[in-house]
Amino acid sequence: MGARRDPDQSGLAVFAAELRAQREQAGLGREELAGRLNYSASLISMIESGHRSPSRDFAGRCDEAFGTPGTFARLEQRLRDVPFSSGFRPFQPYEAQAVALRLFEHSLIPGLLQTEAYARAVLETHPNTSQDVIEERVAARMTRQQILDRTGSPAYLEASSPRTRDLYLAHGYVLRPGAPFHLPGSGPPMWPMWRDPSARCPGVASDPRERPADAPAAGERM
């Protein structure tokens, strides 16, 4: 059985292929096109390789530069119909297939580890976003947590300050008994914290007294 095609990746591939085809038909290098669009050549390269989602403004400028009748605007609209923000779209297929993820975040709980209430509060800060779109993105963010459920692995992180510790406690995480610990060399305190994804609600991991052998290092999150 062939791999299931991700609709967003398919949309990114179509936009990238059309951009590359139009640029080459016009006999333009990336630097020349960058001058016409007032965007950088590196951004054009990232979009053509599928590593960056185009913005609405970028799509509109492509239609102007190539004289296409709204082709790029329609392709970009198709991407916006996918329930993930543009910055996350290229990363989503990798997350879905990954065996392990290590992330560092100093301000927010990563989306994969967020509770529904926390995710909604974050997404409601996005400008020019309707409530229907917010609810779609909340549902999509909760669905992402199935990759933790399928292995029965608890979400594990280490808070590096009382402020972040209290933030995680308020959103469904529990402290490991005996926390905090200190990093070697008189390092700062770290608070190991857990959330049981199999319960789909705040809870205690199956054995919170033990740090798993493959748990991420301080400051990293699975």
N, C-alpha and C. Protein backbone atom coordinates (compact mmCIF):
# COMPACT_ATOMS: atom_id res chain seq x y z
N MET A 1 0.85 -1.19 0.00
CA MET A 1 0.00 0.00 0.00
C MET A 1 0.88 1.24 0.00
N GLY A 2 0.60 2.19 -0.87
CA GLY A 2 1.40 3.40 -0.93
C GLY A 2 1.15 4.31 0.24
N ALA A 3 2.08 5.23 0.48
CA ALA A 3 1.93 6.17 1.60
C ALA A 3 0.77 7.11 1.32
N ARG A 4 0.00 7.42 2.34
CA ARG A 4 -1.11 8.34 2.21
C ARG A 4 -0.57 9.73 1.91
N ARG A 5 -1.19 10.41 0.97
CA ARG A 5 -0.75 11.76 0.61
C ARG A 5 -1.34 12.76 1.57
N ASP A 6 -0.51 13.60 2.08
CA ASP A 6 -0.98 14.66 2.96
C ASP A 6 -1.51 15.80 2.10
N PRO A 7 -2.77 16.27 2.36
CA PRO A 7 -3.34 17.29 1.49
C PRO A 7 -2.56 18.59 1.47
N ASP A 8 -1.97 18.97 2.61
CA ASP A 8 -1.22 20.21 2.65
C ASP A 8 0.08 20.08 1.88
N GLN A 9 0.76 18.93 2.06
CA GLN A 9 2.00 18.72 1.31
C GLN A 9 1.72 18.69 -0.18
N SER A 10 0.59 18.09 -0.59
CA SER A 10 0.24 18.07 -1.99
C SER A 10 0.03 19.50 -2.50
N GLY A 11 -0.65 20.34 -1.70
CA GLY A 11 -0.86 21.73 -2.07
C GLY A 11 0.44 22.50 -2.17
N LEU A 12 1.35 22.27 -1.23
CA LEU A 12 2.65 22.93 -1.27
C LEU A 12 3.43 22.51 -2.52
N ALA A 13 3.35 21.22 -2.86
CA ALA A 13 4.06 20.72 -4.03
C ALA A 13 3.52 21.34 -5.31
N VAL A 14 2.20 21.49 -5.40
CA VAL A 14 1.60 22.09 -6.60
C VAL A 14 2.02 23.55 -6.73
N PHE A 15 1.96 24.30 -5.61
CA PHE A 15 2.37 25.71 -5.65
C PHE A 15 3.84 25.81 -6.05
N ALA A 16 4.67 24.98 -5.44
CA ALA A 16 6.10 25.02 -5.74
C ALA A 16 6.39 24.70 -7.20
N ALA A 17 5.71 23.66 -7.72
CA ALA A 17 5.93 23.27 -9.11
C ALA A 17 5.48 24.37 -10.07
N GLU A 18 4.33 25.01 -9.77
CA GLU A 18 3.83 26.07 -10.64
C GLU A 18 4.77 27.29 -10.61
N LEU A 19 5.26 27.62 -9.43
CA LEU A 19 6.18 28.76 -9.32
C LEU A 19 7.45 28.49 -10.11
N ARG A 20 8.00 27.31 -9.95
CA ARG A 20 9.23 26.97 -10.67
C ARG A 20 9.00 26.96 -12.18
N ALA A 21 7.85 26.39 -12.62
CA ALA A 21 7.56 26.31 -14.05
C ALA A 21 7.38 27.70 -14.66
N GLN A 22 6.65 28.57 -13.96
CA GLN A 22 6.42 29.92 -14.47
C GLN A 22 7.72 30.71 -14.51
N ARG A 23 8.55 30.54 -13.50
CA ARG A 23 9.83 31.26 -13.45
C ARG A 23 10.73 30.82 -14.60
N GLU A 24 10.82 29.51 -14.82
CA GLU A 24 11.69 29.01 -15.87
C GLU A 24 11.16 29.36 -17.26
N GLN A 25 9.82 29.33 -17.43
CA GLN A 25 9.24 29.71 -18.72
C GLN A 25 9.52 31.17 -19.03
N ALA A 26 9.55 31.99 -17.97
CA ALA A 26 9.84 33.41 -18.17
C ALA A 26 11.34 33.68 -18.31
N GLY A 27 12.15 32.65 -18.16
CA GLY A 27 13.59 32.79 -18.29
C GLY A 27 14.22 33.59 -17.16
N LEU A 28 13.65 33.48 -15.98
CA LEU A 28 14.13 34.25 -14.83
C LEU A 28 14.88 33.36 -13.84
N GLY A 29 16.00 33.87 -13.34
CA GLY A 29 16.64 33.24 -12.20
C GLY A 29 15.94 33.67 -10.93
N ARG A 30 16.28 33.03 -9.82
CA ARG A 30 15.63 33.38 -8.55
C ARG A 30 15.94 34.82 -8.14
N GLU A 31 17.15 35.26 -8.38
CA GLU A 31 17.51 36.64 -8.03
C GLU A 31 16.69 37.65 -8.84
N GLU A 32 16.51 37.36 -10.14
CA GLU A 32 15.73 38.26 -10.98
C GLU A 32 14.27 38.30 -10.53
N LEU A 33 13.71 37.13 -10.23
CA LEU A 33 12.33 37.09 -9.77
C LEU A 33 12.19 37.78 -8.42
N ALA A 34 13.20 37.62 -7.56
CA ALA A 34 13.16 38.27 -6.26
C ALA A 34 13.03 39.78 -6.41
N GLY A 35 13.74 40.35 -7.39
CA GLY A 35 13.65 41.78 -7.63
C GLY A 35 12.26 42.22 -8.06
N ARG A 36 11.59 41.40 -8.85
CA ARG A 36 10.25 41.74 -9.33
C ARG A 36 9.19 41.60 -8.22
N LEU A 37 9.41 40.62 -7.34
CA LEU A 37 8.42 40.37 -6.28
C LEU A 37 8.69 41.19 -5.02
N ASN A 38 9.91 41.71 -4.92
CA ASN A 38 10.35 42.38 -3.69
C ASN A 38 10.38 41.42 -2.51
N TYR A 39 10.74 40.18 -2.80
CA TYR A 39 11.01 39.17 -1.78
C TYR A 39 12.42 38.62 -2.03
N SER A 40 13.00 37.98 -1.05
CA SER A 40 14.38 37.50 -1.20
C SER A 40 14.44 36.24 -2.06
N ALA A 41 15.58 36.04 -2.69
CA ALA A 41 15.80 34.84 -3.49
C ALA A 41 15.80 33.59 -2.61
N SER A 42 16.26 33.73 -1.38
CA SER A 42 16.28 32.57 -0.48
C SER A 42 14.87 32.12 -0.14
N LEU A 43 13.94 33.09 0.02
CA LEU A 43 12.55 32.71 0.29
C LEU A 43 11.95 31.99 -0.92
N ILE A 44 12.22 32.50 -2.11
CA ILE A 44 11.74 31.84 -3.32
C ILE A 44 12.26 30.41 -3.39
N SER A 45 13.53 30.22 -3.07
CA SER A 45 14.12 28.89 -3.07
C SER A 45 13.43 27.96 -2.06
N MET A 46 13.14 28.48 -0.87
CA MET A 46 12.49 27.67 0.15
C MET A 46 11.07 27.29 -0.26
N ILE A 47 10.35 28.21 -0.90
CA ILE A 47 8.99 27.89 -1.37
C ILE A 47 9.04 26.87 -2.49
N GLU A 48 9.98 27.04 -3.42
CA GLU A 48 10.09 26.10 -4.53
C GLU A 48 10.48 24.70 -4.07
N SER A 49 11.17 24.61 -2.95
CA SER A 49 11.58 23.30 -2.43
C SER A 49 10.56 22.73 -1.44
N GLY A 50 9.47 23.48 -1.18
CA GLY A 50 8.43 22.99 -0.29
C GLY A 50 8.75 23.13 1.18
N HIS A 51 9.75 23.94 1.52
CA HIS A 51 10.14 24.12 2.91
C HIS A 51 9.53 25.36 3.55
N ARG A 52 8.75 26.11 2.79
CA ARG A 52 8.12 27.31 3.32
C ARG A 52 6.78 27.51 2.62
N SER A 53 5.75 27.86 3.37
CA SER A 53 4.45 28.14 2.78
C SER A 53 4.41 29.58 2.27
N PRO A 54 3.80 29.82 1.13
CA PRO A 54 3.70 31.18 0.61
C PRO A 54 2.63 31.97 1.36
N SER A 55 2.80 33.27 1.44
CA SER A 55 1.79 34.13 2.02
C SER A 55 0.81 34.58 0.94
N ARG A 56 -0.30 35.18 1.36
CA ARG A 56 -1.27 35.70 0.40
C ARG A 56 -0.64 36.81 -0.45
N ASP A 57 0.17 37.66 0.19
CA ASP A 57 0.82 38.74 -0.55
C ASP A 57 1.79 38.18 -1.58
N PHE A 58 2.56 37.17 -1.21
CA PHE A 58 3.51 36.57 -2.14
C PHE A 58 2.78 36.00 -3.34
N ALA A 59 1.67 35.29 -3.10
CA ALA A 59 0.90 34.70 -4.20
C ALA A 59 0.37 35.78 -5.13
N GLY A 60 -0.15 36.88 -4.55
CA GLY A 60 -0.67 37.97 -5.38
C GLY A 60 0.41 38.60 -6.24
N ARG A 61 1.60 38.74 -5.69
CA ARG A 61 2.70 39.34 -6.47
C ARG A 61 3.16 38.39 -7.58
N CYS A 62 3.07 37.09 -7.33
CA CYS A 62 3.41 36.13 -8.39
C CYS A 62 2.43 36.26 -9.56
N ASP A 63 1.14 36.39 -9.26
CA ASP A 63 0.15 36.56 -10.33
C ASP A 63 0.44 37.84 -11.13
N GLU A 64 0.84 38.91 -10.45
CA GLU A 64 1.17 40.15 -11.13
C GLU A 64 2.42 40.01 -12.00
N ALA A 65 3.43 39.35 -11.44
CA ALA A 65 4.71 39.23 -12.16
C ALA A 65 4.59 38.35 -13.39
N PHE A 66 3.81 37.25 -13.30
CA PHE A 66 3.71 36.31 -14.42
C PHE A 66 2.47 36.56 -15.29
N GLY A 67 1.60 37.48 -14.87
CA GLY A 67 0.39 37.74 -15.64
C GLY A 67 -0.60 36.60 -15.61
N THR A 68 -0.58 35.82 -14.54
CA THR A 68 -1.52 34.69 -14.42
C THR A 68 -2.84 35.18 -13.82
N PRO A 69 -3.95 34.58 -14.24
CA PRO A 69 -5.28 35.07 -13.83
C PRO A 69 -5.70 34.55 -12.45
N GLY A 70 -4.94 34.92 -11.43
CA GLY A 70 -5.30 34.48 -10.08
C GLY A 70 -4.88 33.07 -9.75
N THR A 71 -4.00 32.48 -10.56
CA THR A 71 -3.59 31.09 -10.35
C THR A 71 -2.93 30.89 -8.99
N PHE A 72 -1.96 31.74 -8.69
CA PHE A 72 -1.23 31.58 -7.42
C PHE A 72 -2.12 31.95 -6.23
N ALA A 73 -3.01 32.91 -6.40
CA ALA A 73 -3.92 33.26 -5.32
C ALA A 73 -4.82 32.08 -4.96
N ARG A 74 -5.31 31.35 -5.98
CA ARG A 74 -6.17 30.19 -5.72
C ARG A 74 -5.39 29.06 -5.07
N LEU A 75 -4.16 28.86 -5.49
CA LEU A 75 -3.34 27.81 -4.87
C LEU A 75 -3.03 28.13 -3.41
N GLU A 76 -2.78 29.40 -3.13
CA GLU A 76 -2.50 29.81 -1.76
C GLU A 76 -3.76 29.68 -0.90
N GLN A 77 -4.94 29.97 -1.48
CA GLN A 77 -6.20 29.82 -0.75
C GLN A 77 -6.41 28.36 -0.36
N ARG A 78 -6.05 27.47 -1.23
CA ARG A 78 -6.17 26.03 -0.92
C ARG A 78 -5.31 25.66 0.28
N LEU A 79 -4.13 26.26 0.38
CA LEU A 79 -3.27 25.99 1.53
C LEU A 79 -3.88 26.55 2.81
N ARG A 80 -4.51 27.71 2.72
CA ARG A 80 -5.10 28.31 3.92
C ARG A 80 -6.32 27.53 4.40
N ASP A 81 -6.90 26.70 3.54
CA ASP A 81 -8.02 25.87 3.97
C ASP A 81 -7.58 24.73 4.87
N VAL A 82 -6.27 24.44 4.90
CA VAL A 82 -5.75 23.39 5.79
C VAL A 82 -5.68 23.95 7.21
N PRO A 83 -6.15 23.18 8.24
CA PRO A 83 -6.30 23.74 9.59
C PRO A 83 -5.01 23.86 10.40
N PHE A 84 -3.95 24.40 9.79
CA PHE A 84 -2.71 24.69 10.50
C PHE A 84 -2.23 26.06 10.04
N SER A 85 -1.58 26.78 10.93
CA SER A 85 -1.03 28.07 10.55
C SER A 85 0.10 27.86 9.55
N SER A 86 0.37 28.88 8.73
CA SER A 86 1.34 28.73 7.65
C SER A 86 2.73 28.39 8.15
N GLY A 87 3.12 28.89 9.32
CA GLY A 87 4.45 28.61 9.82
C GLY A 87 4.65 27.15 10.21
N PHE A 88 3.55 26.45 10.55
CA PHE A 88 3.67 25.06 11.00
C PHE A 88 3.48 24.06 9.86
N ARG A 89 2.83 24.47 8.78
CA ARG A 89 2.45 23.52 7.74
C ARG A 89 3.60 22.67 7.20
N PRO A 90 4.77 23.25 6.86
CA PRO A 90 5.84 22.40 6.33
C PRO A 90 6.37 21.39 7.34
N PHE A 91 6.21 21.67 8.65
CA PHE A 91 6.76 20.79 9.69
C PHE A 91 5.81 19.63 10.00
N GLN A 92 4.50 19.79 9.75
CA GLN A 92 3.50 18.83 10.19
C GLN A 92 3.76 17.40 9.70
N PRO A 93 4.10 17.17 8.42
CA PRO A 93 4.34 15.79 7.99
C PRO A 93 5.51 15.14 8.71
N TYR A 94 6.55 15.91 9.04
CA TYR A 94 7.69 15.35 9.75
C TYR A 94 7.30 14.95 11.17
N GLU A 95 6.50 15.79 11.82
CA GLU A 95 6.03 15.47 13.17
C GLU A 95 5.22 14.20 13.17
N ALA A 96 4.34 14.04 12.17
CA ALA A 96 3.45 12.88 12.13
C ALA A 96 4.22 11.58 11.95
N GLN A 97 5.40 11.62 11.33
CA GLN A 97 6.17 10.40 11.06
C GLN A 97 7.32 10.18 12.02
N ALA A 98 7.60 11.16 12.87
CA ALA A 98 8.80 11.09 13.72
C ALA A 98 8.68 10.01 14.78
N VAL A 99 9.81 9.42 15.13
CA VAL A 99 9.90 8.49 16.25
C VAL A 99 10.14 9.25 17.54
N ALA A 100 10.91 10.35 17.48
CA ALA A 100 11.17 11.19 18.65
C ALA A 100 11.33 12.63 18.18
N LEU A 101 10.91 13.56 19.03
CA LEU A 101 11.04 14.98 18.75
C LEU A 101 11.70 15.65 19.94
N ARG A 102 12.63 16.56 19.68
CA ARG A 102 13.25 17.35 20.75
C ARG A 102 13.12 18.82 20.38
N LEU A 103 12.45 19.56 21.22
CA LEU A 103 12.18 20.97 20.97
C LEU A 103 12.61 21.79 22.17
N PHE A 104 12.97 23.05 21.91
CA PHE A 104 13.24 23.98 23.01
C PHE A 104 12.31 25.17 22.84
N GLU A 105 11.60 25.52 23.89
CA GLU A 105 10.66 26.63 23.84
C GLU A 105 10.75 27.40 25.14
N HIS A 106 11.01 28.71 25.06
CA HIS A 106 11.21 29.50 26.28
C HIS A 106 9.97 30.29 26.68
N SER A 107 8.94 30.33 25.82
CA SER A 107 7.79 31.18 26.14
C SER A 107 6.46 30.43 26.20
N LEU A 108 6.28 29.43 25.33
CA LEU A 108 5.01 28.73 25.22
C LEU A 108 5.20 27.22 25.35
N ILE A 109 4.17 26.54 25.84
CA ILE A 109 4.16 25.08 25.77
C ILE A 109 4.04 24.70 24.30
N PRO A 110 4.88 23.77 23.79
CA PRO A 110 4.79 23.38 22.38
C PRO A 110 3.39 22.86 22.05
N GLY A 111 2.95 23.08 20.82
CA GLY A 111 1.60 22.71 20.43
C GLY A 111 1.26 21.25 20.66
N LEU A 112 2.23 20.37 20.47
CA LEU A 112 2.00 18.94 20.65
C LEU A 112 1.65 18.58 22.09
N LEU A 113 2.05 19.43 23.03
CA LEU A 113 1.86 19.14 24.45
C LEU A 113 0.80 20.01 25.10
N GLN A 114 0.10 20.81 24.32
CA GLN A 114 -0.87 21.75 24.90
C GLN A 114 -2.19 21.06 25.24
N THR A 115 -2.85 21.58 26.27
CA THR A 115 -4.23 21.18 26.54
C THR A 115 -5.15 21.96 25.60
N GLU A 116 -6.40 21.54 25.51
CA GLU A 116 -7.34 22.22 24.61
C GLU A 116 -7.55 23.68 25.01
N ALA A 117 -7.71 23.93 26.31
CA ALA A 117 -7.94 25.30 26.77
C ALA A 117 -6.73 26.19 26.48
N TYR A 118 -5.53 25.65 26.69
CA TYR A 118 -4.31 26.42 26.43
C TYR A 118 -4.19 26.72 24.94
N ALA A 119 -4.43 25.70 24.10
CA ALA A 119 -4.33 25.89 22.65
C ALA A 119 -5.31 26.96 22.18
N ARG A 120 -6.52 26.92 22.69
CA ARG A 120 -7.51 27.92 22.27
C ARG A 120 -7.07 29.33 22.67
N ALA A 121 -6.54 29.47 23.88
CA ALA A 121 -6.10 30.79 24.35
C ALA A 121 -4.97 31.32 23.47
N VAL A 122 -4.06 30.46 23.03
CA VAL A 122 -2.96 30.89 22.17
C VAL A 122 -3.48 31.27 20.79
N LEU A 123 -4.33 30.42 20.22
CA LEU A 123 -4.81 30.65 18.86
C LEU A 123 -5.72 31.87 18.76
N GLU A 124 -6.38 32.21 19.86
CA GLU A 124 -7.24 33.40 19.84
C GLU A 124 -6.45 34.70 19.74
N THR A 125 -5.14 34.64 19.95
CA THR A 125 -4.31 35.84 19.81
C THR A 125 -3.91 36.10 18.37
N HIS A 126 -4.15 35.14 17.46
CA HIS A 126 -3.77 35.33 16.06
C HIS A 126 -4.67 36.40 15.43
N PRO A 127 -4.10 37.40 14.78
CA PRO A 127 -4.92 38.48 14.20
C PRO A 127 -5.71 38.03 12.98
N ASN A 128 -6.84 38.68 12.76
CA ASN A 128 -7.66 38.45 11.57
C ASN A 128 -8.04 36.99 11.39
N THR A 129 -8.36 36.32 12.50
CA THR A 129 -8.73 34.91 12.47
C THR A 129 -10.13 34.75 13.06
N SER A 130 -11.04 34.17 12.29
CA SER A 130 -12.42 34.02 12.76
C SER A 130 -12.51 32.93 13.82
N GLN A 131 -13.61 32.92 14.57
CA GLN A 131 -13.80 31.92 15.61
C GLN A 131 -13.91 30.52 15.01
N ASP A 132 -14.50 30.40 13.83
CA ASP A 132 -14.60 29.09 13.17
C ASP A 132 -13.23 28.55 12.83
N VAL A 133 -12.36 29.41 12.33
CA VAL A 133 -10.99 28.98 12.00
C VAL A 133 -10.24 28.59 13.27
N ILE A 134 -10.42 29.36 14.33
CA ILE A 134 -9.77 29.04 15.61
C ILE A 134 -10.19 27.66 16.08
N GLU A 135 -11.48 27.36 16.03
CA GLU A 135 -11.97 26.06 16.49
C GLU A 135 -11.43 24.92 15.62
N GLU A 136 -11.32 25.16 14.31
CA GLU A 136 -10.75 24.15 13.42
C GLU A 136 -9.29 23.87 13.80
N ARG A 137 -8.56 24.95 14.11
CA ARG A 137 -7.14 24.77 14.44
C ARG A 137 -6.96 24.14 15.82
N VAL A 138 -7.86 24.43 16.75
CA VAL A 138 -7.81 23.77 18.05
C VAL A 138 -8.03 22.26 17.86
N ALA A 139 -9.03 21.90 17.07
CA ALA A 139 -9.31 20.48 16.83
C ALA A 139 -8.12 19.80 16.15
N ALA A 140 -7.50 20.49 15.19
CA ALA A 140 -6.35 19.92 14.51
C ALA A 140 -5.18 19.75 15.46
N ARG A 141 -5.00 20.71 16.36
CA ARG A 141 -3.90 20.62 17.33
C ARG A 141 -4.11 19.46 18.29
N MET A 142 -5.34 19.23 18.71
CA MET A 142 -5.63 18.10 19.60
C MET A 142 -5.43 16.78 18.86
N THR A 143 -5.79 16.73 17.58
CA THR A 143 -5.60 15.52 16.79
C THR A 143 -4.13 15.15 16.66
N ARG A 144 -3.25 16.17 16.64
CA ARG A 144 -1.82 15.90 16.56
C ARG A 144 -1.34 15.03 17.71
N GLN A 145 -2.00 15.10 18.86
CA GLN A 145 -1.54 14.36 20.03
C GLN A 145 -1.73 12.86 19.89
N GLN A 146 -2.39 12.42 18.83
CA GLN A 146 -2.55 10.99 18.59
C GLN A 146 -1.20 10.30 18.39
N ILE A 147 -0.19 11.04 17.95
CA ILE A 147 1.11 10.40 17.77
C ILE A 147 1.72 10.01 19.10
N LEU A 148 1.32 10.68 20.20
CA LEU A 148 1.75 10.25 21.54
C LEU A 148 0.88 9.10 22.03
N ASP A 149 -0.42 9.17 21.74
CA ASP A 149 -1.33 8.13 22.19
C ASP A 149 -0.98 6.77 21.60
N ARG A 150 -0.55 6.75 20.35
CA ARG A 150 -0.37 5.47 19.68
C ARG A 150 0.78 4.67 20.29
N THR A 151 1.71 5.34 20.98
CA THR A 151 2.80 4.64 21.64
C THR A 151 2.58 4.52 23.15
N GLY A 152 1.56 5.22 23.66
CA GLY A 152 1.32 5.22 25.10
C GLY A 152 2.38 5.97 25.87
N SER A 153 3.11 6.88 25.20
CA SER A 153 4.20 7.60 25.84
C SER A 153 3.69 8.85 26.54
N PRO A 154 4.09 9.07 27.78
CA PRO A 154 3.70 10.33 28.44
C PRO A 154 4.48 11.51 27.86
N ALA A 155 3.84 12.65 27.86
CA ALA A 155 4.54 13.88 27.48
C ALA A 155 5.45 14.26 28.64
N TYR A 156 6.71 14.53 28.35
CA TYR A 156 7.70 14.83 29.39
C TYR A 156 8.39 16.14 29.05
N LEU A 157 8.56 16.99 30.03
CA LEU A 157 9.31 18.22 29.83
C LEU A 157 9.97 18.62 31.14
N GLU A 158 10.89 19.58 31.05
CA GLU A 158 11.56 20.08 32.23
C GLU A 158 11.44 21.60 32.25
N ALA A 159 10.77 22.12 33.27
CA ALA A 159 10.61 23.56 33.41
C ALA A 159 11.87 24.14 34.04
N SER A 160 12.29 25.30 33.53
CA SER A 160 13.56 25.87 34.00
C SER A 160 13.39 27.07 34.92
N SER A 161 12.15 27.37 35.32
CA SER A 161 11.93 28.47 36.25
C SER A 161 10.61 28.24 36.97
N PRO A 162 10.45 28.84 38.17
CA PRO A 162 9.15 28.72 38.86
C PRO A 162 8.00 29.23 38.01
N ARG A 163 8.24 30.25 37.21
CA ARG A 163 7.16 30.80 36.38
C ARG A 163 6.66 29.77 35.36
N THR A 164 7.59 29.14 34.63
CA THR A 164 7.17 28.15 33.65
C THR A 164 6.62 26.90 34.35
N ARG A 165 7.19 26.54 35.50
CA ARG A 165 6.65 25.41 36.27
C ARG A 165 5.17 25.64 36.59
N ASP A 166 4.86 26.83 37.10
CA ASP A 166 3.48 27.14 37.47
C ASP A 166 2.58 27.20 36.24
N LEU A 167 3.13 27.64 35.11
CA LEU A 167 2.35 27.67 33.87
C LEU A 167 1.95 26.26 33.46
N TYR A 168 2.92 25.33 33.51
CA TYR A 168 2.62 23.95 33.13
C TYR A 168 1.66 23.30 34.12
N LEU A 169 1.82 23.59 35.41
CA LEU A 169 0.91 23.04 36.41
C LEU A 169 -0.52 23.48 36.15
N ALA A 170 -0.67 24.71 35.68
CA ALA A 170 -2.01 25.24 35.43
C ALA A 170 -2.66 24.62 34.20
N HIS A 171 -1.86 23.91 33.40
CA HIS A 171 -2.39 23.35 32.17
C HIS A 171 -2.19 21.85 32.06
N GLY A 172 -2.34 21.17 33.20
CA GLY A 172 -2.47 19.73 33.15
C GLY A 172 -1.23 18.90 33.42
N TYR A 173 -0.09 19.51 33.70
CA TYR A 173 1.12 18.75 33.98
C TYR A 173 1.28 18.53 35.48
N VAL A 174 1.97 17.47 35.85
CA VAL A 174 2.22 17.16 37.26
C VAL A 174 3.72 17.06 37.48
N LEU A 175 4.15 17.39 38.68
CA LEU A 175 5.57 17.35 39.04
C LEU A 175 6.00 15.94 39.41
N ARG A 176 7.22 15.61 39.07
CA ARG A 176 7.81 14.37 39.53
C ARG A 176 8.13 14.51 41.00
N PRO A 177 7.82 13.50 41.85
CA PRO A 177 8.17 13.59 43.27
C PRO A 177 9.67 13.84 43.45
N GLY A 178 10.00 14.72 44.37
CA GLY A 178 11.40 15.04 44.65
C GLY A 178 11.94 16.19 43.82
N ALA A 179 11.14 16.71 42.91
CA ALA A 179 11.60 17.84 42.09
C ALA A 179 11.70 19.09 42.98
N PRO A 180 12.60 20.03 42.63
CA PRO A 180 13.44 20.05 41.44
C PRO A 180 14.78 19.36 41.66
N PHE A 181 15.51 19.18 40.56
CA PHE A 181 16.91 18.76 40.65
C PHE A 181 17.76 19.91 40.11
N HIS A 182 19.05 19.86 40.38
CA HIS A 182 19.95 20.93 39.93
C HIS A 182 20.93 20.37 38.90
N LEU A 183 21.21 21.15 37.89
CA LEU A 183 22.19 20.76 36.90
C LEU A 183 23.59 20.77 37.53
N PRO A 184 24.51 19.97 36.99
CA PRO A 184 25.88 19.94 37.55
C PRO A 184 26.52 21.32 37.52
N GLY A 185 27.44 21.54 38.46
CA GLY A 185 28.17 22.79 38.51
C GLY A 185 27.34 23.94 39.03
N SER A 186 26.54 23.68 40.05
CA SER A 186 25.69 24.72 40.66
C SER A 186 24.75 25.34 39.64
N GLY A 187 24.22 24.50 38.75
CA GLY A 187 23.30 24.98 37.73
C GLY A 187 21.94 25.31 38.31
N PRO A 188 21.07 25.89 37.50
CA PRO A 188 19.74 26.29 37.97
C PRO A 188 18.86 25.08 38.26
N PRO A 189 17.82 25.26 39.05
CA PRO A 189 16.91 24.15 39.32
C PRO A 189 16.08 23.81 38.10
N MET A 190 15.74 22.53 37.94
CA MET A 190 14.89 22.06 36.84
C MET A 190 13.76 21.23 37.43
N TRP A 191 12.54 21.43 36.92
CA TRP A 191 11.37 20.71 37.42
C TRP A 191 10.86 19.73 36.35
N PRO A 192 11.17 18.43 36.50
CA PRO A 192 10.61 17.45 35.55
C PRO A 192 9.09 17.36 35.73
N MET A 193 8.37 17.34 34.59
CA MET A 193 6.91 17.35 34.63
C MET A 193 6.36 16.39 33.58
N TRP A 194 5.16 15.88 33.87
CA TRP A 194 4.56 14.85 33.03
C TRP A 194 3.12 15.18 32.71
N ARG A 195 2.66 14.63 31.60
CA ARG A 195 1.23 14.63 31.29
C ARG A 195 0.94 13.34 30.54
N ASP A 196 -0.09 12.62 30.96
CA ASP A 196 -0.41 11.32 30.39
C ASP A 196 -1.30 11.51 29.17
N PRO A 197 -0.79 11.31 27.94
CA PRO A 197 -1.62 11.54 26.77
C PRO A 197 -2.69 10.49 26.56
N SER A 198 -2.47 9.26 27.06
CA SER A 198 -3.44 8.20 26.84
C SER A 198 -4.77 8.51 27.51
N ALA A 199 -4.73 9.35 28.55
CA ALA A 199 -5.96 9.73 29.25
C ALA A 199 -6.67 10.88 28.56
N ARG A 200 -5.97 11.60 27.65
CA ARG A 200 -6.51 12.75 26.96
C ARG A 200 -7.01 13.83 27.92
N CYS A 201 -6.43 13.84 29.10
CA CYS A 201 -6.78 14.86 30.08
C CYS A 201 -5.64 14.90 31.08
N PRO A 202 -5.54 15.92 31.94
CA PRO A 202 -4.46 16.00 32.90
C PRO A 202 -4.40 14.75 33.76
N GLY A 203 -3.20 14.24 33.98
CA GLY A 203 -3.07 13.05 34.80
C GLY A 203 -1.63 12.75 35.10
N VAL A 204 -1.37 11.71 35.85
CA VAL A 204 -0.03 11.30 36.25
C VAL A 204 0.46 10.22 35.32
N ALA A 205 1.71 10.29 34.91
CA ALA A 205 2.27 9.26 34.05
C ALA A 205 2.30 7.93 34.78
N SER A 206 2.49 6.85 34.01
CA SER A 206 2.41 5.53 34.60
C SER A 206 3.41 5.33 35.73
N ASP A 207 4.58 5.95 35.63
CA ASP A 207 5.55 5.84 36.71
C ASP A 207 6.32 7.15 36.81
N PRO A 208 5.77 8.16 37.46
CA PRO A 208 6.40 9.48 37.49
C PRO A 208 7.66 9.54 38.32
N ARG A 209 7.98 8.47 39.06
CA ARG A 209 9.18 8.50 39.91
C ARG A 209 10.44 8.28 39.11
N GLU A 210 10.30 7.72 37.90
CA GLU A 210 11.47 7.39 37.12
C GLU A 210 11.53 8.24 35.87
N ARG A 211 12.68 8.80 35.61
CA ARG A 211 12.89 9.51 34.34
C ARG A 211 13.26 8.47 33.29
N PRO A 212 12.55 8.41 32.15
CA PRO A 212 12.86 7.41 31.14
C PRO A 212 14.27 7.56 30.62
N ALA A 213 14.84 6.42 30.21
CA ALA A 213 16.23 6.42 29.77
C ALA A 213 16.45 7.32 28.57
N ASP A 214 15.42 7.43 27.71
CA ASP A 214 15.58 8.25 26.52
C ASP A 214 14.93 9.60 26.66
N ALA A 215 14.68 10.05 27.90
CA ALA A 215 14.07 11.36 28.11
C ALA A 215 14.99 12.45 27.61
N PRO A 216 14.46 13.54 27.08
CA PRO A 216 15.31 14.60 26.55
C PRO A 216 16.11 15.29 27.64
N ALA A 217 17.18 15.92 27.24
CA ALA A 217 18.02 16.65 28.18
C ALA A 217 17.29 17.89 28.68
N ALA A 218 17.88 18.52 29.69
CA ALA A 218 17.24 19.71 30.30
C ALA A 218 16.94 20.74 29.23
N GLY A 219 15.73 21.26 29.31
CA GLY A 219 15.33 22.30 28.38
C GLY A 219 14.75 21.77 27.08
N GLU A 220 14.83 20.44 26.85
CA GLU A 220 14.28 19.87 25.63
C GLU A 220 12.94 19.23 25.94
N ARG A 221 12.12 19.10 24.92
CA ARG A 221 10.78 18.53 25.08
C ARG A 221 10.53 17.53 23.98
N MET A 222 9.83 16.48 24.33
CA MET A 222 9.47 15.50 23.32
C MET A 222 8.19 15.94 22.63
